[in-house]
Amino acid sequence: MANSAASSNLIKSETGDWELVIGLEVHAQVTSKAKLFSGAATKFGAEPNSQVSLVDAAMPGMLPVINKECLAQAVRTGLGLKAQVNLRSVFDRKNYFYPDLPQGYQISQFSQPIVGEGEVVLNMEGGETVRIGIERLHLEQDAGKSLHDQDPKSSYVDLNRSGVALMEIVSNPDIRSARQAQAYVTKIRSILRYLGTCDGNMEEGSLRADVNVSMRRPGAELGTRTEIKNINSIRFIGQAIEYESRRQIEVLEGGGEITQETRLFDTKTGQTRPMRSKEEAHDYRYFPDPDLLPVELSREFVDRLAEDLPELPDQKTDRFMADWGLDSYDVELLVAEKERADYFEEMVGGGAAPKQAANWLLNQHLGRVNKEGVAFEDAPVTAAANISILKMVDEGTISGKIAKELYDLVWETGDDPAKLVEERGLRQVTDTVAIEKVVDEIIAANPKQAGQVKAKPQTLGWFVGQVMQKTSGKANPQAVNAILREKLEIAED
């Protein structure tokens, strides 16, 4: 499944070309009301240590009990990634010490994960299709959180996250650029959110990535990799890869060697820095957890989950393009977020023309959402309101310019668009007598431009702008154009 290195992805330097090789480990918090091995709650933002069971705190004699919903969520994710679901999987103990790991080991999966090989397809800008292989998906419990800023002399531990279920999705080293890495994580996040198996909230730590980076000459053996831990922003993933690849090239071209190590990305400096030497698998002394039996899933259980899967981004992309003739770029933007795709379908279902709805949603609506920094689902302008605005444009009730002003009014007031048009006198002027009067005034006030327009018909747009300005954007543009051409004796194009 590995990509052939496109020349555009090679990094050029004075000593020749370098190829960047990236593998990603995405840690996704499972959407579940309870933890992986206990009934403790998983709500974000709770008071420290308020969501901790005796199992999570590793009290003596406490035994883990598997959460069936977490197993089902992992299977759904595997199916969504077109991956092999293993009917038999085993939980292992991964042994290491950390202050916020109460047991002294993490319950994870090693040699027999719940999900095996799969694939994610990326549709990159420029029409490039990139296939990224998934090596595995395994379930594991999260650790707690160390707090170092609460006291000048002491560190505290919050165990609310201890035992929270995580899915670790491990890619093959198929990624060849920071851009591809960002697109991959974006696509994984989108799939998880469509499936409802992870909320994908990177700011809250529900989704984060470990990035493995190495450099090699094109076609050579894989180089020594470094792992950049716990990056919780797609933008930071790109920045970390860009910095780390340049750092490694400088080391290699200077005659040095890359040390296999774990590094951290400093978001303030935009640089990576060493954290610790990278452990190998044998350092963790994996062995099957004696307190947990192997997980045996029935084929019927997996098939039932497969039957209930929602339409996923790739399927929705194909349907939008086939049914409505939308271009691939617009469709990629529309289906990137489930809420956005649902909103678009509601607009089309309500009577808006697909291409017009896509253009309005992506430019006007999404543009305002991004400008205001609000979540898409929290935007105050409903799909029904946008349908009403576009319908009034189609009917000639308002102009395209007024439509944008009307949208802003709906955002600010929450009022019905049709009501605002009547209350604020926003109806388009279609009365040709009224428009003709304004045209005559503009021509009379600008005789020099009127005399030049025959020689330069392209300057007619200036007159159109003047009329629209004089009528506060309410004049019908087609009527304005026709009357101006008649008055200035300009033939139709």
Protein backbone atom coordinates (compact mmCIF):
# COMPACT_ATOMS: atom_id res chain seq x y z
CA MET A 1 0.00 0.00 0.00
CA ALA A 2 3.02 2.28 0.13
CA ASN A 3 3.03 5.40 -2.02
CA SER A 4 5.48 5.89 -4.82
CA ALA A 5 7.33 9.10 -4.00
CA ALA A 6 6.06 11.88 -6.21
CA SER A 7 8.84 14.25 -7.22
CA SER A 8 6.81 17.15 -5.91
CA ASN A 9 7.09 15.72 -2.39
CA LEU A 10 10.89 15.47 -2.41
CA ILE A 11 12.85 17.99 -0.35
CA LYS A 12 15.68 19.52 -2.33
CA SER A 13 18.97 20.49 -0.75
CA GLU A 14 22.53 21.31 -1.82
CA THR A 15 23.54 17.65 -1.53
CA GLY A 16 20.58 16.25 -3.46
CA ASP A 17 17.00 15.24 -2.88
CA TRP A 18 15.60 13.84 0.37
CA GLU A 19 12.43 11.87 0.86
CA LEU A 20 10.33 12.42 3.97
CA VAL A 21 8.77 9.28 5.46
CA ILE A 22 5.98 9.67 8.01
CA GLY A 23 3.91 7.25 10.04
CA LEU A 24 1.16 8.39 12.39
CA GLU A 25 -0.34 6.99 15.56
CA VAL A 26 -3.70 8.65 16.15
CA HIS A 27 -5.09 8.33 19.69
CA ALA A 28 -8.87 8.75 19.63
CA GLN A 29 -10.97 8.79 22.79
CA VAL A 30 -13.86 6.38 22.41
CA THR A 31 -17.31 7.93 22.65
CA SER A 32 -18.69 6.14 25.71
CA LYS A 33 -20.34 7.24 28.93
CA ALA A 34 -18.11 4.89 30.94
CA LYS A 35 -14.43 4.00 30.92
CA LEU A 36 -12.88 0.95 29.27
CA PHE A 37 -12.72 -1.23 32.39
CA SER A 38 -14.91 0.59 34.93
CA GLY A 39 -18.24 2.37 35.23
CA ALA A 40 -16.68 5.75 36.05
CA ALA A 41 -17.86 8.72 33.98
CA THR A 42 -15.84 10.22 31.13
CA LYS A 43 -17.25 13.76 30.93
CA PHE A 44 -14.71 16.43 30.00
CA GLY A 45 -14.02 19.30 32.40
CA ALA A 46 -15.13 17.64 35.65
CA GLU A 47 -13.45 18.56 38.93
CA PRO A 48 -10.10 16.77 39.34
CA ASN A 49 -10.38 13.22 40.67
CA SER A 50 -14.19 13.34 40.67
CA GLN A 51 -14.56 10.58 38.03
CA VAL A 52 -12.33 7.88 39.46
CA SER A 53 -13.40 4.37 40.43
CA LEU A 54 -11.39 2.00 42.63
CA VAL A 55 -10.35 0.20 39.42
CA ASP A 56 -9.05 3.42 37.86
CA ALA A 57 -7.06 4.21 41.01
CA ALA A 58 -5.60 0.65 40.99
CA MET A 59 -6.74 -0.18 44.51
CA PRO A 60 -5.66 -3.67 45.63
CA GLY A 61 -7.98 -6.49 44.59
CA MET A 62 -9.87 -4.42 41.99
CA LEU A 63 -10.37 -6.28 38.70
CA PRO A 64 -11.12 -4.75 35.27
CA VAL A 65 -14.39 -5.56 33.49
CA ILE A 66 -14.54 -4.84 29.76
CA ASN A 67 -17.01 -2.22 28.51
CA LYS A 68 -18.91 -3.88 25.63
CA GLU A 69 -19.83 -0.53 24.05
CA CYS A 70 -16.14 0.34 23.72
CA LEU A 71 -15.59 -2.94 21.87
CA ALA A 72 -18.50 -2.12 19.56
CA GLN A 73 -17.12 1.38 18.90
CA ALA A 74 -13.73 -0.07 17.97
CA VAL A 75 -15.38 -2.53 15.58
CA ARG A 76 -17.44 0.27 13.97
CA THR A 77 -14.26 2.27 13.48
CA GLY A 78 -12.49 -0.70 11.94
CA LEU A 79 -15.35 -1.19 9.51
CA GLY A 80 -15.31 2.51 8.66
CA LEU A 81 -11.59 2.27 7.88
CA LYS A 82 -12.24 -0.71 5.55
CA ALA A 83 -10.10 -2.75 7.92
CA GLN A 84 -10.01 -6.37 8.99
CA VAL A 85 -11.97 -6.92 12.21
CA ASN A 86 -10.38 -9.69 14.26
CA LEU A 87 -12.94 -11.93 15.92
CA ARG A 88 -10.36 -12.84 18.55
CA SER A 89 -8.20 -10.25 20.29
CA VAL A 90 -6.16 -10.12 23.49
CA PHE A 91 -5.49 -7.41 26.08
CA ASP A 92 -1.89 -7.10 27.24
CA ARG A 93 -0.05 -5.32 30.00
CA LYS A 94 2.39 -2.68 28.78
CA ASN A 95 4.75 -2.11 31.68
CA TYR A 96 6.26 1.27 32.41
CA PHE A 97 6.32 3.71 35.32
CA TYR A 98 4.78 7.14 35.25
CA PRO A 99 3.35 9.15 38.18
CA ASP A 100 -0.13 9.34 36.63
CA LEU A 101 -0.27 5.62 35.78
CA PRO A 102 -1.53 4.13 39.07
CA GLN A 103 -1.18 0.46 38.12
CA GLY A 104 2.42 0.75 36.97
CA TYR A 105 1.29 -0.69 33.64
CA GLN A 106 -1.19 0.16 30.91
CA ILE A 107 -3.78 -2.32 29.67
CA SER A 108 -3.37 -2.23 25.91
CA GLN A 109 -3.21 -4.63 22.95
CA PHE A 110 -0.04 -5.75 21.24
CA SER A 111 0.23 -8.86 19.08
CA GLN A 112 -3.51 -9.53 18.72
CA PRO A 113 -5.40 -6.22 18.28
CA ILE A 114 -9.13 -5.95 17.72
CA VAL A 115 -8.66 -4.44 14.22
CA GLY A 116 -6.02 -5.28 11.62
CA GLU A 117 -5.06 -3.82 8.25
CA GLY A 118 -7.18 -1.16 6.53
CA GLU A 119 -6.85 1.86 4.27
CA VAL A 120 -7.64 5.56 4.05
CA VAL A 121 -7.88 7.29 0.67
CA LEU A 122 -6.89 10.96 0.45
CA ASN A 123 -8.04 13.18 -2.41
CA MET A 124 -5.40 15.86 -2.48
CA GLU A 125 -5.55 19.22 -4.25
CA GLY A 126 -4.57 18.95 -7.88
CA GLY A 127 -6.36 15.63 -8.33
CA GLU A 128 -3.70 13.49 -6.63
CA THR A 129 -5.07 10.37 -4.92
CA VAL A 130 -2.99 9.01 -2.03
CA ARG A 131 -3.66 5.69 -0.32
CA ILE A 132 -2.48 5.37 3.28
CA GLY A 133 -2.36 1.89 4.76
CA ILE A 134 -3.64 1.26 8.28
CA GLU A 135 -1.49 -1.26 10.13
CA ARG A 136 -3.81 -1.79 13.08
CA LEU A 137 -6.29 -0.32 15.53
CA HIS A 138 -6.08 -1.41 19.14
CA LEU A 139 -7.90 -0.49 22.33
CA GLU A 140 -6.09 0.76 25.40
CA GLN A 141 -6.74 2.73 28.58
CA ASP A 142 -5.55 6.30 28.96
CA ALA A 143 -3.31 7.45 31.78
CA GLY A 144 -4.11 10.26 34.22
CA LYS A 145 -2.75 13.78 34.02
CA SER A 146 0.11 15.34 35.97
CA LEU A 147 -0.43 18.96 37.00
CA HIS A 148 2.75 20.94 37.50
CA ASP A 149 1.36 24.47 37.72
CA GLN A 150 -0.77 24.20 40.87
CA ASP A 151 1.99 24.59 43.43
CA PRO A 152 5.60 25.91 43.27
CA LYS A 153 6.99 22.88 45.13
CA SER A 154 4.63 20.01 44.31
CA SER A 155 3.03 18.26 41.36
CA TYR A 156 -0.50 16.92 41.52
CA VAL A 157 -2.18 14.06 39.71
CA ASP A 158 -5.71 14.10 38.26
CA LEU A 159 -6.96 10.57 37.54
CA ASN A 160 -10.18 11.57 35.75
CA ARG A 161 -8.70 10.37 32.44
CA SER A 162 -7.20 7.24 33.97
CA GLY A 163 -8.92 4.27 32.34
CA VAL A 164 -10.68 6.26 29.63
CA ALA A 165 -10.92 4.13 26.48
CA LEU A 166 -8.63 5.05 23.59
CA MET A 167 -8.39 3.69 20.08
CA GLU A 168 -4.85 3.88 18.75
CA ILE A 169 -4.92 3.91 14.95
CA VAL A 170 -1.47 3.13 13.55
CA SER A 171 -0.68 3.96 9.93
CA ASN A 172 1.96 2.42 7.71
CA PRO A 173 4.91 4.72 6.87
CA ASP A 174 3.14 5.71 3.64
CA ILE A 175 2.90 9.48 4.19
CA ARG A 176 5.35 11.63 2.23
CA SER A 177 4.68 15.24 3.21
CA ALA A 178 3.35 17.43 5.99
CA ARG A 179 0.41 18.25 3.74
CA GLN A 180 -0.48 14.56 3.38
CA ALA A 181 -0.13 14.03 7.13
CA GLN A 182 -2.55 16.86 7.83
CA ALA A 183 -5.00 15.54 5.24
CA TYR A 184 -4.75 12.05 6.75
CA VAL A 185 -5.56 13.19 10.28
CA THR A 186 -8.37 15.39 8.93
CA LYS A 187 -9.84 12.39 7.10
CA ILE A 188 -9.49 10.07 10.13
CA ARG A 189 -11.19 12.68 12.31
CA SER A 190 -14.01 13.06 9.79
CA ILE A 191 -14.60 9.30 9.61
CA LEU A 192 -14.67 8.99 13.41
CA ARG A 193 -17.15 11.86 13.74
CA TYR A 194 -19.43 10.40 11.05
CA LEU A 195 -19.34 7.05 12.84
CA GLY A 196 -19.94 8.66 16.24
CA THR A 197 -17.06 6.69 17.73
CA CYS A 198 -15.00 9.76 18.77
CA ASP A 199 -16.01 13.42 18.96
CA GLY A 200 -12.68 14.46 17.44
CA ASN A 201 -12.31 17.46 19.74
CA MET A 202 -8.57 18.06 19.58
CA GLU A 203 -8.68 21.05 21.93
CA GLU A 204 -10.03 18.79 24.69
CA GLY A 205 -7.54 16.00 23.94
CA SER A 206 -10.13 13.63 22.48
CA LEU A 207 -7.93 13.25 19.42
CA ARG A 208 -4.18 13.60 19.34
CA ALA A 209 -1.36 12.19 17.27
CA ASP A 210 2.18 10.85 17.67
CA VAL A 211 4.15 11.63 14.52
CA ASN A 212 7.05 9.38 13.41
CA VAL A 213 9.45 11.18 11.08
CA SER A 214 12.50 9.91 9.19
CA MET A 215 14.50 11.03 6.16
CA ARG A 216 16.11 9.01 3.38
CA ARG A 217 17.47 9.41 -0.09
CA PRO A 218 14.77 8.51 -2.67
CA GLY A 219 14.51 4.71 -2.95
CA ALA A 220 16.93 4.03 -0.10
CA GLU A 221 16.26 2.01 3.06
CA LEU A 222 14.15 3.64 5.76
CA GLY A 223 16.09 6.03 7.96
CA THR A 224 16.16 6.24 11.76
CA ARG A 225 12.93 7.78 12.99
CA THR A 226 12.03 10.12 15.78
CA GLU A 227 8.60 10.23 17.39
CA ILE A 228 6.95 13.56 18.18
CA LYS A 229 4.42 12.95 20.98
CA ASN A 230 0.91 14.16 21.69
CA ILE A 231 0.22 16.82 19.06
CA ASN A 232 -3.37 18.05 19.42
CA SER A 233 -3.74 20.34 16.41
CA ILE A 234 -3.69 19.61 12.68
CA ARG A 235 -1.84 22.89 12.12
CA PHE A 236 0.79 21.93 14.69
CA ILE A 237 1.21 18.51 13.06
CA GLY A 238 2.25 20.27 9.86
CA GLN A 239 4.59 22.65 11.67
CA ALA A 240 6.23 19.87 13.68
CA ILE A 241 6.91 17.78 10.57
CA GLU A 242 8.32 20.75 8.65
CA TYR A 243 10.72 21.60 11.48
CA GLU A 244 11.75 18.02 12.25
CA SER A 245 12.44 17.16 8.61
CA ARG A 246 14.70 20.21 8.23
CA ARG A 247 16.46 19.38 11.50
CA GLN A 248 17.15 15.81 10.43
CA ILE A 249 18.47 16.89 7.02
CA GLU A 250 20.87 19.32 8.68
CA VAL A 251 22.14 16.58 11.01
CA LEU A 252 22.58 14.06 8.18
CA GLU A 253 24.23 16.52 5.79
CA GLY A 254 26.56 17.58 8.59
CA GLY A 255 27.81 14.01 8.89
CA GLY A 256 25.85 13.20 12.04
CA GLU A 257 23.40 10.42 12.84
CA ILE A 258 19.76 10.60 13.86
CA THR A 259 19.08 9.28 17.34
CA GLN A 260 15.93 7.20 17.75
CA GLU A 261 14.14 9.21 20.40
CA THR A 262 10.86 10.69 21.54
CA ARG A 263 10.55 14.44 21.06
CA LEU A 264 8.03 17.14 22.02
CA PHE A 265 6.80 19.97 19.82
CA ASP A 266 6.98 23.43 21.38
CA THR A 267 4.07 25.41 19.94
CA LYS A 268 5.62 28.73 21.01
CA THR A 269 8.96 28.25 19.26
CA GLY A 270 7.75 25.97 16.46
CA GLN A 271 10.58 23.55 17.27
CA THR A 272 10.87 19.97 18.48
CA ARG A 273 13.06 19.08 21.45
CA PRO A 274 14.24 15.78 22.97
CA MET A 275 12.07 14.15 25.62
CA ARG A 276 13.61 10.68 26.11
CA SER A 277 15.24 7.87 24.18
CA LYS A 278 12.67 5.86 22.23
CA GLU A 279 11.70 2.57 23.85
CA GLU A 280 11.44 -0.63 21.81
CA ALA A 281 8.52 -3.02 22.23
CA HIS A 282 10.58 -5.42 24.37
CA ASP A 283 11.31 -2.62 26.83
CA TYR A 284 7.64 -2.64 27.82
CA ARG A 285 7.65 -6.38 28.64
CA TYR A 286 4.25 -7.00 27.05
CA PHE A 287 2.37 -10.05 28.27
CA PRO A 288 -1.35 -11.04 28.18
CA ASP A 289 -3.29 -9.47 31.05
CA PRO A 290 -4.14 -12.34 33.41
CA ASP A 291 -7.27 -10.55 34.67
CA LEU A 292 -8.92 -10.37 31.23
CA LEU A 293 -9.99 -13.25 29.03
CA PRO A 294 -9.39 -13.03 25.27
CA VAL A 295 -12.18 -11.13 23.48
CA GLU A 296 -14.23 -13.46 21.27
CA LEU A 297 -16.60 -11.69 18.87
CA SER A 298 -19.23 -13.48 16.81
CA ARG A 299 -19.52 -12.87 13.09
CA GLU A 300 -23.19 -12.00 13.65
CA PHE A 301 -22.20 -9.24 16.11
CA VAL A 302 -19.83 -7.68 13.57
CA ASP A 303 -22.32 -8.03 10.72
CA ARG A 304 -25.04 -6.27 12.72
CA LEU A 305 -22.72 -3.35 13.38
CA ALA A 306 -21.77 -3.22 9.69
CA GLU A 307 -25.43 -3.05 8.67
CA ASP A 308 -26.03 -0.06 10.93
CA LEU A 309 -23.08 2.04 9.74
CA PRO A 310 -24.00 5.54 8.52
CA GLU A 311 -23.07 6.86 5.09
CA LEU A 312 -19.38 7.79 5.36
CA PRO A 313 -17.47 10.69 3.73
CA ASP A 314 -16.27 8.75 0.65
CA GLN A 315 -19.75 7.40 -0.05
CA LYS A 316 -21.30 10.83 0.46
CA THR A 317 -18.69 12.35 -1.87
CA ASP A 318 -19.56 9.90 -4.66
CA ARG A 319 -23.29 10.53 -4.23
CA PHE A 320 -23.02 14.32 -4.18
CA MET A 321 -20.96 14.31 -7.38
CA ALA A 322 -23.17 11.75 -9.16
CA ASP A 323 -26.55 13.13 -8.13
CA TRP A 324 -25.88 16.85 -8.27
CA GLY A 325 -22.88 17.30 -10.57
CA LEU A 326 -20.81 19.16 -7.99
CA ASP A 327 -17.06 19.46 -8.49
CA SER A 328 -14.71 17.44 -6.32
CA TYR A 329 -13.23 20.46 -4.52
CA ASP A 330 -16.60 21.74 -3.30
CA VAL A 331 -17.72 18.25 -2.33
CA GLU A 332 -14.58 17.64 -0.28
CA LEU A 333 -15.36 20.79 1.70
CA LEU A 334 -19.03 19.90 2.09
CA VAL A 335 -18.49 16.38 3.41
CA ALA A 336 -15.47 17.17 5.59
CA GLU A 337 -17.79 17.65 8.57
CA LYS A 338 -20.98 15.66 9.05
CA GLU A 339 -22.88 18.72 10.33
CA ARG A 340 -21.90 20.63 7.20
CA ALA A 341 -23.00 17.82 4.86
CA ASP A 342 -26.30 17.43 6.71
CA TYR A 343 -26.91 21.21 6.50
CA PHE A 344 -26.27 21.15 2.76
CA GLU A 345 -28.64 18.23 2.24
CA GLU A 346 -31.30 20.05 4.24
CA MET A 347 -30.92 23.07 1.96
CA VAL A 348 -31.21 20.96 -1.19
CA GLY A 349 -34.10 18.99 0.30
CA GLY A 350 -35.86 22.30 0.99
CA GLY A 351 -35.72 23.32 -2.64
CA ALA A 352 -32.38 25.13 -3.06
CA ALA A 353 -30.50 24.33 -6.28
CA PRO A 354 -27.50 22.12 -5.37
CA LYS A 355 -24.77 24.23 -7.00
CA GLN A 356 -26.27 27.48 -5.71
CA ALA A 357 -26.66 25.96 -2.21
CA ALA A 358 -23.06 24.68 -2.21
CA ASN A 359 -21.65 28.03 -3.29
CA TRP A 360 -23.71 29.96 -0.72
CA LEU A 361 -22.96 27.56 2.13
CA LEU A 362 -19.21 27.40 1.50
CA ASN A 363 -18.65 31.08 0.82
CA GLN A 364 -21.30 33.09 2.67
CA HIS A 365 -22.31 30.82 5.55
CA LEU A 366 -19.06 29.01 6.28
CA GLY A 367 -17.13 32.23 5.76
CA ARG A 368 -19.14 33.93 8.51
CA VAL A 369 -18.90 30.88 10.78
CA ASN A 370 -15.10 30.89 10.47
CA LYS A 371 -14.89 34.65 10.92
CA GLU A 372 -16.90 34.50 14.14
CA GLY A 373 -15.01 31.44 15.40
CA VAL A 374 -18.18 29.57 16.35
CA ALA A 375 -18.89 25.87 15.94
CA PHE A 376 -20.76 25.16 12.71
CA GLU A 377 -23.69 23.64 14.56
CA ASP A 378 -23.99 26.75 16.76
CA ALA A 379 -24.38 29.23 13.89
CA PRO A 380 -27.58 31.28 14.32
CA VAL A 381 -28.58 31.14 10.62
CA THR A 382 -30.54 27.96 9.95
CA ALA A 383 -30.68 26.00 6.72
CA ALA A 384 -34.32 27.08 6.38
CA ALA A 385 -33.30 30.76 6.60
CA ASN A 386 -30.68 30.32 3.89
CA ILE A 387 -33.21 28.51 1.68
CA SER A 388 -35.55 31.50 2.09
CA ILE A 389 -32.79 33.96 1.13
CA LEU A 390 -31.80 32.02 -2.01
CA LYS A 391 -35.45 31.62 -3.01
CA MET A 392 -35.97 35.39 -2.83
CA VAL A 393 -32.91 35.90 -5.05
CA ASP A 394 -34.27 33.40 -7.60
CA GLU A 395 -37.68 35.09 -7.59
CA GLY A 396 -36.11 38.52 -8.06
CA THR A 397 -37.42 39.78 -4.73
CA ILE A 398 -33.90 40.78 -3.66
CA SER A 399 -30.58 41.16 -5.47
CA GLY A 400 -27.47 39.12 -4.79
CA LYS A 401 -25.91 42.10 -3.03
CA ILE A 402 -28.93 42.55 -0.78
CA ALA A 403 -28.92 38.79 -0.11
CA LYS A 404 -25.55 39.11 1.62
CA GLU A 405 -26.74 42.08 3.67
CA LEU A 406 -29.89 40.16 4.56
CA TYR A 407 -27.82 37.17 5.68
CA ASP A 408 -25.88 39.41 8.07
CA LEU A 409 -29.14 40.77 9.48
CA VAL A 410 -30.46 37.26 10.07
CA TRP A 411 -27.18 36.33 11.83
CA GLU A 412 -27.44 39.34 14.11
CA THR A 413 -31.19 39.32 14.83
CA GLY A 414 -32.32 35.73 14.29
CA ASP A 415 -35.41 37.09 12.51
CA ASP A 416 -37.16 35.50 9.54
CA PRO A 417 -35.54 36.68 6.26
CA ALA A 418 -38.85 37.42 4.50
CA LYS A 419 -40.00 39.49 7.48
CA LEU A 420 -36.76 41.50 7.44
CA VAL A 421 -37.11 42.22 3.72
CA GLU A 422 -40.55 43.76 4.26
CA GLU A 423 -39.70 45.63 7.47
CA ARG A 424 -36.49 47.15 6.11
CA GLY A 425 -37.60 47.86 2.57
CA LEU A 426 -35.07 45.57 0.96
CA ARG A 427 -37.18 44.48 -1.99
CA GLN A 428 -35.45 44.76 -5.34
CA VAL A 429 -36.55 47.64 -7.56
CA THR A 430 -37.94 46.15 -10.77
CA ASP A 431 -39.91 49.22 -11.81
CA THR A 432 -38.17 50.17 -15.06
CA VAL A 433 -39.49 53.73 -14.90
CA ALA A 434 -37.84 54.25 -11.51
CA ILE A 435 -34.60 52.65 -12.69
CA GLU A 436 -34.64 54.70 -15.89
CA LYS A 437 -34.91 57.90 -13.89
CA VAL A 438 -31.78 57.00 -11.86
CA VAL A 439 -29.92 56.02 -15.06
CA ASP A 440 -30.73 59.37 -16.65
CA GLU A 441 -29.41 61.19 -13.58
CA ILE A 442 -26.14 59.21 -13.61
CA ILE A 443 -25.56 59.79 -17.34
CA ALA A 444 -26.33 63.50 -17.05
CA ALA A 445 -23.90 63.85 -14.16
CA ASN A 446 -21.10 62.04 -16.01
CA PRO A 447 -21.08 63.21 -19.64
CA LYS A 448 -17.36 62.51 -20.15
CA GLN A 449 -17.69 58.84 -19.15
CA ALA A 450 -20.88 58.55 -21.21
CA GLY A 451 -19.00 59.78 -24.25
CA GLN A 452 -16.19 57.27 -23.79
CA VAL A 453 -18.30 54.18 -23.13
CA LYS A 454 -19.01 53.50 -26.82
CA ALA A 455 -15.31 53.20 -27.53
CA LYS A 456 -14.74 51.14 -24.39
CA PRO A 457 -17.91 49.08 -23.74
CA GLN A 458 -16.14 47.34 -20.84
CA THR A 459 -16.49 50.54 -18.82
CA LEU A 460 -20.27 50.01 -18.73
CA GLY A 461 -19.71 48.23 -15.43
CA TRP A 462 -18.81 51.56 -13.84
CA PHE A 463 -22.27 52.92 -14.70
CA VAL A 464 -23.93 49.76 -13.37
CA GLY A 465 -22.04 50.24 -10.10
CA GLN A 466 -23.14 53.86 -9.85
CA VAL A 467 -26.79 52.94 -10.34
CA MET A 468 -26.61 50.13 -7.82
CA GLN A 469 -24.97 52.47 -5.32
CA LYS A 470 -27.63 55.13 -5.91
CA THR A 471 -30.39 52.57 -5.31
CA SER A 472 -28.63 51.00 -2.28
CA GLY A 473 -28.24 47.76 -4.24
CA LYS A 474 -31.99 47.36 -4.73
CA ALA A 475 -32.19 47.87 -8.50
CA ASN A 476 -32.53 44.75 -10.61
CA PRO A 477 -29.05 44.32 -12.18
CA GLN A 478 -30.42 42.87 -15.43
CA ALA A 479 -32.84 45.78 -15.85
CA VAL A 480 -30.09 48.28 -15.06
CA ASN A 481 -27.81 46.72 -17.66
CA ALA A 482 -30.47 46.69 -20.35
CA ILE A 483 -31.54 50.30 -19.77
CA LEU A 484 -27.93 51.56 -19.72
CA ARG A 485 -27.16 49.80 -23.02
CA GLU A 486 -30.23 51.35 -24.59
CA LYS A 487 -29.47 54.87 -23.27
CA LEU A 488 -25.76 54.72 -24.18
CA GLU A 489 -26.42 52.95 -27.49
CA ILE A 490 -24.22 49.94 -26.75
CA ALA A 491 -25.04 46.72 -28.57
CA GLU A 492 -25.64 43.52 -26.61
CA ASP A 493 -22.61 41.24 -26.23
